Each structure stands twice: as structure tokens, then as C-alpha cells.
């Protein structure tokens, strides 16, 4: 039974009111992230200005990319998929992924993406199909 004492806390964030930092994918605004662990969020969410995401994968986390603005392509296990405003990409654990182009993307990590669950893949080891 859920009681007022055990109800998870709601979180409201606004663009420009959260930490902005450089990441492997570009610049990200940390909307819900590691600093919110005490609030027990079901996932984390970052708004990312992608400018060439390095190929990488996660062993435990699923990512959702929702393109807010711009266009380009997402590379999934070496296959380029064109994306633009309104595109949604579901990336399960183990899928090597990266991105090209300039776009703002809402990235949701389920349950989260811990620092020890990020593995880069050298580009020379990838076979890209165009």
C-alpha cells in the first residue's frame, strides 16, 4: 500500500536551471541525473546537443533518444538510421551506438547509465553501412 510517507517525490526541472556539461556525445543538460538518486527516479533524462557522439554501448542500460530539433543519423551496430525532429530511437543494452549531425536530443536512460556502464568502441572497429 502506498502511503503519503512512501510516495515517490515528483521532480520538476526547467531548461537552464540544471547543470550543463561536456559529454562524449556533445553538451548535455542534466535534467534528472545521478544527483537525484535520493529521489528514486525510475530513469534519468538529459537534453543533449549532439555534435558527433562517439561509438559506445552499455551492458545494463536501455536508452531512448527523442530528437527535439535538428537532424542527422544514429549509428546502431554499424547501420546508419536517418533521424530528424520527432524521431524516437530505442537502444537496448549491448547495441553499439553513436550519432552524426547536429541535433538536440532528449536522452532517457533506464534505469540509469552509471559511469561504469559506458564502454567506448574505436571507430576503426566499426563497419558502417551507408
N, C-alpha and C. Protein backbone atom coordinates (compact mmCIF):
# COMPACT_ATOMS: atom_id res chain seq x y z
N UNK A 1 0.84 -1.18 0.00
CA UNK A 1 0.00 0.00 0.00
C UNK A 1 0.89 1.24 0.00
N UNK A 2 0.56 2.18 -0.87
CA UNK A 2 1.31 3.43 -0.91
C UNK A 2 0.72 4.40 0.09
N UNK A 3 1.58 4.93 0.93
CA UNK A 3 1.16 5.93 1.91
C UNK A 3 1.82 7.24 1.55
N UNK A 4 1.33 8.36 2.07
CA UNK A 4 1.98 9.65 1.77
C UNK A 4 3.46 9.65 2.09
N UNK A 5 3.86 8.89 3.13
CA UNK A 5 5.28 8.85 3.51
C UNK A 5 6.11 8.06 2.51
N UNK A 6 5.49 7.09 1.77
CA UNK A 6 6.26 6.26 0.85
C UNK A 6 6.09 6.65 -0.60
N UNK A 7 5.29 7.66 -0.88
CA UNK A 7 5.07 8.08 -2.26
C UNK A 7 6.34 8.73 -2.81
N UNK A 8 6.81 8.27 -3.98
CA UNK A 8 7.99 8.92 -4.57
C UNK A 8 7.74 10.41 -4.80
N UNK A 9 8.79 11.19 -4.68
CA UNK A 9 8.69 12.64 -4.84
C UNK A 9 8.67 13.01 -6.32
N UNK A 10 7.78 13.89 -6.70
CA UNK A 10 7.74 14.41 -8.07
C UNK A 10 8.94 15.31 -8.30
N UNK A 11 9.39 15.38 -9.55
CA UNK A 11 10.54 16.21 -9.90
C UNK A 11 10.13 17.12 -11.05
N UNK A 12 10.36 18.41 -10.92
CA UNK A 12 10.10 19.37 -11.99
C UNK A 12 11.40 20.11 -12.27
N UNK A 13 11.83 20.11 -13.53
CA UNK A 13 13.06 20.79 -13.91
C UNK A 13 12.78 21.68 -15.11
N UNK A 14 13.54 22.76 -15.23
CA UNK A 14 13.39 23.69 -16.35
C UNK A 14 14.73 23.87 -17.05
N UNK A 15 14.68 23.99 -18.36
CA UNK A 15 15.89 24.20 -19.15
C UNK A 15 16.63 25.43 -18.62
N UNK A 16 17.93 25.27 -18.48
CA UNK A 16 18.76 26.37 -17.99
C UNK A 16 18.91 26.38 -16.47
N UNK A 17 18.16 25.55 -15.75
CA UNK A 17 18.23 25.53 -14.29
C UNK A 17 18.95 24.29 -13.76
N UNK A 18 19.62 23.56 -14.66
CA UNK A 18 20.33 22.35 -14.25
C UNK A 18 21.78 22.43 -14.74
N UNK A 19 22.58 21.53 -14.23
CA UNK A 19 23.99 21.50 -14.63
C UNK A 19 24.13 21.21 -16.12
N UNK A 20 25.03 21.93 -16.79
CA UNK A 20 25.35 21.70 -18.20
C UNK A 20 26.82 21.31 -18.25
N UNK A 21 27.10 20.25 -19.01
CA UNK A 21 28.48 19.76 -19.03
C UNK A 21 28.79 19.12 -20.37
N UNK A 22 30.07 18.99 -20.63
CA UNK A 22 30.55 18.31 -21.83
C UNK A 22 30.42 16.81 -21.60
N UNK A 23 29.98 16.09 -22.62
CA UNK A 23 29.89 14.63 -22.53
C UNK A 23 30.50 14.03 -23.78
N UNK A 24 30.54 12.72 -23.86
CA UNK A 24 31.08 12.04 -25.04
C UNK A 24 30.25 12.31 -26.29
N UNK A 25 29.01 12.75 -26.10
CA UNK A 25 28.10 12.97 -27.23
C UNK A 25 27.96 14.43 -27.63
N UNK A 26 28.40 15.33 -26.79
CA UNK A 26 28.24 16.77 -27.06
C UNK A 26 28.11 17.52 -25.74
N UNK A 27 27.15 18.42 -25.66
CA UNK A 27 26.86 19.15 -24.43
C UNK A 27 25.53 18.67 -23.89
N UNK A 28 25.48 18.40 -22.59
CA UNK A 28 24.23 17.92 -22.01
C UNK A 28 23.78 18.76 -20.83
N UNK A 29 22.46 18.88 -20.73
CA UNK A 29 21.80 19.48 -19.58
C UNK A 29 21.26 18.33 -18.74
N UNK A 30 21.71 18.23 -17.53
CA UNK A 30 21.34 17.09 -16.66
C UNK A 30 19.98 17.37 -16.01
N UNK A 31 18.91 16.94 -16.64
CA UNK A 31 17.57 17.21 -16.14
C UNK A 31 17.23 16.33 -14.93
N UNK A 32 17.42 15.05 -15.06
CA UNK A 32 17.34 14.12 -13.94
C UNK A 32 18.57 13.24 -14.06
N UNK A 33 19.38 13.20 -13.00
CA UNK A 33 20.65 12.50 -13.13
C UNK A 33 21.09 11.91 -11.80
N UNK A 34 22.36 11.54 -11.73
CA UNK A 34 22.90 10.85 -10.56
C UNK A 34 22.68 11.61 -9.26
N UNK A 35 22.67 12.92 -9.30
CA UNK A 35 22.48 13.68 -8.07
C UNK A 35 21.06 13.54 -7.52
N UNK A 36 20.15 12.95 -8.30
CA UNK A 36 18.77 12.77 -7.87
C UNK A 36 18.49 11.38 -7.30
N UNK A 37 19.51 10.58 -7.06
CA UNK A 37 19.32 9.20 -6.63
C UNK A 37 18.47 9.10 -5.37
N UNK A 38 18.57 10.05 -4.45
CA UNK A 38 17.78 10.01 -3.22
C UNK A 38 16.29 10.14 -3.49
N UNK A 39 15.93 10.71 -4.65
CA UNK A 39 14.52 10.87 -5.01
C UNK A 39 13.96 9.61 -5.69
N UNK A 40 14.82 8.64 -5.94
CA UNK A 40 14.47 7.36 -6.54
C UNK A 40 13.74 7.48 -7.89
N UNK A 41 14.33 8.24 -8.84
CA UNK A 41 13.67 8.32 -10.15
C UNK A 41 13.72 6.97 -10.87
N UNK A 42 12.74 6.72 -11.72
CA UNK A 42 12.67 5.48 -12.48
C UNK A 42 13.68 5.46 -13.62
N UNK A 43 14.14 6.64 -14.03
CA UNK A 43 15.09 6.78 -15.13
C UNK A 43 15.78 8.12 -14.96
N UNK A 44 16.85 8.32 -15.74
CA UNK A 44 17.42 9.66 -15.78
C UNK A 44 17.15 10.25 -17.16
N UNK A 45 17.21 11.58 -17.26
CA UNK A 45 16.95 12.26 -18.53
C UNK A 45 17.90 13.43 -18.69
N UNK A 46 18.50 13.50 -19.87
CA UNK A 46 19.38 14.61 -20.23
C UNK A 46 18.92 15.18 -21.56
N UNK A 47 19.01 16.48 -21.73
CA UNK A 47 18.83 17.11 -23.04
C UNK A 47 20.25 17.30 -23.58
N UNK A 48 20.53 16.70 -24.74
CA UNK A 48 21.90 16.66 -25.27
C UNK A 48 21.96 17.36 -26.61
N UNK A 49 22.89 18.29 -26.75
CA UNK A 49 23.20 18.90 -28.05
C UNK A 49 24.29 18.05 -28.67
N UNK A 50 23.89 17.14 -29.55
CA UNK A 50 24.82 16.19 -30.14
C UNK A 50 25.63 16.87 -31.24
N UNK A 51 26.93 16.66 -31.19
CA UNK A 51 27.80 17.13 -32.27
C UNK A 51 28.86 16.07 -32.53
N UNK A 52 28.39 14.86 -32.75
CA UNK A 52 29.29 13.74 -33.03
C UNK A 52 29.46 12.84 -31.83
N UNK A 53 28.50 11.98 -31.58
CA UNK A 53 28.57 11.06 -30.44
C UNK A 53 29.51 9.91 -30.77
N UNK A 54 30.47 9.68 -29.90
CA UNK A 54 31.44 8.59 -30.10
C UNK A 54 30.72 7.24 -29.97
N UNK A 55 31.15 6.25 -30.77
CA UNK A 55 30.54 4.92 -30.66
C UNK A 55 30.78 4.33 -29.28
N UNK A 56 29.71 3.84 -28.67
CA UNK A 56 29.79 3.25 -27.34
C UNK A 56 28.59 2.32 -27.12
N UNK A 57 28.61 1.62 -26.00
CA UNK A 57 27.48 0.78 -25.64
C UNK A 57 27.39 0.72 -24.12
N UNK A 58 26.26 0.19 -23.66
CA UNK A 58 26.02 -0.01 -22.24
C UNK A 58 25.63 -1.47 -22.05
N UNK A 59 26.13 -2.11 -21.00
CA UNK A 59 25.81 -3.51 -20.76
C UNK A 59 24.48 -3.69 -20.05
N UNK A 60 24.07 -2.69 -19.26
CA UNK A 60 22.89 -2.87 -18.42
C UNK A 60 21.75 -1.90 -18.71
N UNK A 61 22.02 -0.81 -19.37
CA UNK A 61 21.02 0.24 -19.53
C UNK A 61 20.44 0.30 -20.93
N UNK A 62 19.18 0.66 -20.98
CA UNK A 62 18.49 0.97 -22.23
C UNK A 62 18.45 2.48 -22.36
N UNK A 63 18.60 2.99 -23.59
CA UNK A 63 18.48 4.43 -23.83
C UNK A 63 17.36 4.68 -24.84
N UNK A 64 16.66 5.76 -24.63
CA UNK A 64 15.71 6.28 -25.60
C UNK A 64 16.22 7.64 -26.05
N UNK A 65 16.32 7.84 -27.36
CA UNK A 65 16.67 9.15 -27.93
C UNK A 65 15.42 9.70 -28.59
N UNK A 66 15.01 10.92 -28.22
CA UNK A 66 13.91 11.59 -28.89
C UNK A 66 14.47 12.90 -29.44
N UNK A 67 14.43 13.07 -30.77
CA UNK A 67 15.03 14.24 -31.41
C UNK A 67 14.08 15.43 -31.25
N UNK A 68 14.58 16.46 -30.55
CA UNK A 68 13.80 17.68 -30.31
C UNK A 68 13.97 18.69 -31.44
N UNK A 69 15.18 18.80 -31.98
CA UNK A 69 15.50 19.73 -33.07
C UNK A 69 16.67 19.17 -33.85
N UNK A 70 16.77 19.61 -35.11
CA UNK A 70 17.90 19.24 -35.94
C UNK A 70 17.70 17.91 -36.62
N UNK A 71 18.80 17.43 -37.22
CA UNK A 71 18.74 16.15 -37.93
C UNK A 71 20.14 15.58 -38.06
N UNK A 72 20.18 14.34 -38.48
CA UNK A 72 21.45 13.64 -38.66
C UNK A 72 21.17 12.17 -38.78
N UNK A 73 22.07 11.36 -38.22
CA UNK A 73 21.84 9.92 -38.23
C UNK A 73 22.34 9.34 -36.92
N UNK A 74 21.71 8.26 -36.53
CA UNK A 74 22.14 7.48 -35.39
C UNK A 74 22.71 6.19 -35.96
N UNK A 75 23.88 5.80 -35.51
CA UNK A 75 24.51 4.59 -35.99
C UNK A 75 24.27 3.50 -34.94
N UNK A 76 23.61 2.42 -35.35
CA UNK A 76 23.24 1.33 -34.46
C UNK A 76 23.90 0.05 -34.97
N UNK A 77 24.87 -0.46 -34.24
CA UNK A 77 25.62 -1.64 -34.66
C UNK A 77 26.10 -1.51 -36.11
N UNK A 78 26.62 -0.33 -36.47
CA UNK A 78 27.20 -0.09 -37.78
C UNK A 78 26.22 0.32 -38.86
N UNK A 79 24.94 0.38 -38.57
CA UNK A 79 23.94 0.76 -39.57
C UNK A 79 23.44 2.17 -39.28
N UNK A 80 23.55 3.04 -40.28
CA UNK A 80 23.10 4.42 -40.12
C UNK A 80 21.59 4.52 -40.34
N UNK A 81 20.93 5.16 -39.38
CA UNK A 81 19.50 5.41 -39.47
C UNK A 81 19.29 6.92 -39.45
N UNK A 82 18.69 7.50 -40.51
CA UNK A 82 18.44 8.94 -40.50
C UNK A 82 17.40 9.30 -39.45
N UNK A 83 17.62 10.42 -38.77
CA UNK A 83 16.68 10.91 -37.76
C UNK A 83 16.51 12.41 -37.93
N UNK A 84 15.36 12.91 -37.52
CA UNK A 84 15.08 14.34 -37.54
C UNK A 84 14.06 14.63 -36.44
N UNK A 85 13.67 15.87 -36.32
CA UNK A 85 12.73 16.29 -35.28
C UNK A 85 11.55 15.33 -35.23
N UNK A 86 11.28 14.79 -34.03
CA UNK A 86 10.16 13.87 -33.85
C UNK A 86 10.54 12.41 -33.92
N UNK A 87 11.79 12.09 -34.28
CA UNK A 87 12.22 10.69 -34.34
C UNK A 87 12.49 10.16 -32.94
N UNK A 88 12.17 8.88 -32.73
CA UNK A 88 12.45 8.20 -31.47
C UNK A 88 13.30 6.96 -31.77
N UNK A 89 14.36 6.77 -31.00
CA UNK A 89 15.24 5.61 -31.17
C UNK A 89 15.32 4.88 -29.84
N UNK A 90 15.05 3.59 -29.86
CA UNK A 90 15.16 2.72 -28.68
C UNK A 90 16.47 1.93 -28.81
N UNK A 91 17.36 2.06 -27.83
CA UNK A 91 18.69 1.43 -27.89
C UNK A 91 18.83 0.47 -26.71
N UNK A 92 18.67 -0.84 -26.97
CA UNK A 92 18.81 -1.82 -25.87
C UNK A 92 20.26 -1.98 -25.42
N UNK A 93 20.46 -2.59 -24.25
CA UNK A 93 21.83 -2.87 -23.79
C UNK A 93 22.59 -3.69 -24.83
N UNK A 94 23.89 -3.39 -24.99
CA UNK A 94 24.75 -4.14 -25.89
C UNK A 94 24.82 -3.61 -27.30
N UNK A 95 23.90 -2.72 -27.71
CA UNK A 95 23.92 -2.17 -29.06
C UNK A 95 24.94 -1.04 -29.11
N UNK A 96 25.95 -1.17 -29.99
CA UNK A 96 26.94 -0.10 -30.16
C UNK A 96 26.25 1.02 -30.91
N UNK A 97 26.32 2.24 -30.36
CA UNK A 97 25.62 3.36 -30.97
C UNK A 97 26.45 4.64 -30.89
N UNK A 98 26.17 5.52 -31.83
CA UNK A 98 26.78 6.83 -31.92
C UNK A 98 25.86 7.68 -32.77
N UNK A 99 26.28 8.89 -33.08
CA UNK A 99 25.43 9.78 -33.88
C UNK A 99 26.29 10.75 -34.66
N UNK A 100 25.75 11.19 -35.79
CA UNK A 100 26.37 12.23 -36.61
C UNK A 100 25.31 13.27 -36.92
N UNK A 101 25.75 14.49 -37.08
CA UNK A 101 24.83 15.59 -37.36
C UNK A 101 24.75 16.51 -36.17
N UNK A 102 23.90 17.50 -36.31
CA UNK A 102 23.70 18.47 -35.22
C UNK A 102 22.24 18.41 -34.84
N UNK A 103 22.00 17.98 -33.62
CA UNK A 103 20.63 17.86 -33.15
C UNK A 103 20.57 17.96 -31.64
N UNK A 104 19.42 18.37 -31.16
CA UNK A 104 19.14 18.39 -29.71
C UNK A 104 18.24 17.20 -29.45
N UNK A 105 18.67 16.36 -28.51
CA UNK A 105 18.00 15.09 -28.27
C UNK A 105 17.70 14.95 -26.78
N UNK A 106 16.49 14.50 -26.46
CA UNK A 106 16.18 14.11 -25.09
C UNK A 106 16.62 12.66 -24.96
N UNK A 107 17.57 12.40 -24.06
CA UNK A 107 18.09 11.05 -23.85
C UNK A 107 17.58 10.58 -22.49
N UNK A 108 16.86 9.46 -22.51
CA UNK A 108 16.35 8.87 -21.28
C UNK A 108 17.07 7.54 -21.07
N UNK A 109 17.68 7.37 -19.92
CA UNK A 109 18.37 6.14 -19.57
C UNK A 109 17.55 5.35 -18.56
N UNK A 110 17.34 4.07 -18.84
CA UNK A 110 16.51 3.25 -17.98
C UNK A 110 17.34 2.06 -17.51
N UNK A 111 17.54 1.84 -16.24
CA UNK A 111 17.11 2.70 -15.15
C UNK A 111 17.97 3.95 -15.04
N UNK A 112 19.25 3.82 -15.28
CA UNK A 112 20.15 4.97 -15.38
C UNK A 112 21.37 4.47 -16.15
N UNK A 113 22.31 5.34 -16.37
CA UNK A 113 23.55 4.91 -17.00
C UNK A 113 24.68 5.31 -16.06
N UNK A 114 25.17 4.33 -15.36
CA UNK A 114 26.24 4.55 -14.39
C UNK A 114 27.56 4.76 -15.13
N UNK A 115 28.49 5.43 -14.50
CA UNK A 115 29.79 5.69 -15.11
C UNK A 115 30.49 4.39 -15.50
N UNK A 116 30.25 3.32 -14.75
CA UNK A 116 30.92 2.05 -15.06
C UNK A 116 30.13 1.20 -16.08
N UNK A 117 29.09 1.79 -16.68
CA UNK A 117 28.31 1.10 -17.72
C UNK A 117 28.41 1.85 -19.05
N UNK A 118 29.54 2.47 -19.31
CA UNK A 118 29.80 3.20 -20.56
C UNK A 118 31.09 2.63 -21.14
N UNK A 119 30.99 2.06 -22.36
CA UNK A 119 32.13 1.42 -22.99
C UNK A 119 32.31 1.96 -24.40
N UNK A 120 33.41 2.68 -24.64
CA UNK A 120 33.68 3.22 -25.98
C UNK A 120 34.21 2.12 -26.89
N UNK A 121 33.91 2.27 -28.18
CA UNK A 121 34.37 1.34 -29.21
C UNK A 121 35.15 2.16 -30.23
N UNK A 122 36.41 1.81 -30.50
CA UNK A 122 37.17 2.56 -31.50
C UNK A 122 36.48 2.50 -32.87
N UNK A 123 36.39 3.65 -33.54
CA UNK A 123 35.68 3.73 -34.82
C UNK A 123 36.25 2.79 -35.86
N UNK A 124 37.56 2.52 -35.82
CA UNK A 124 38.14 1.63 -36.83
C UNK A 124 37.64 0.19 -36.68
N UNK A 125 37.01 -0.15 -35.53
CA UNK A 125 36.46 -1.48 -35.35
C UNK A 125 35.01 -1.59 -35.83
N UNK A 126 34.45 -0.48 -36.30
CA UNK A 126 33.06 -0.49 -36.75
C UNK A 126 32.97 -0.59 -38.26
N UNK A 127 31.98 -1.30 -38.72
CA UNK A 127 31.69 -1.38 -40.16
C UNK A 127 30.41 -0.59 -40.38
N UNK A 128 30.51 0.57 -41.01
CA UNK A 128 29.34 1.40 -41.25
C UNK A 128 28.78 1.12 -42.62
N UNK A 129 27.48 0.86 -42.66
CA UNK A 129 26.76 0.64 -43.91
C UNK A 129 26.02 1.91 -44.26
N UNK A 130 26.25 2.47 -45.44
CA UNK A 130 25.57 3.70 -45.81
C UNK A 130 24.58 3.45 -46.91
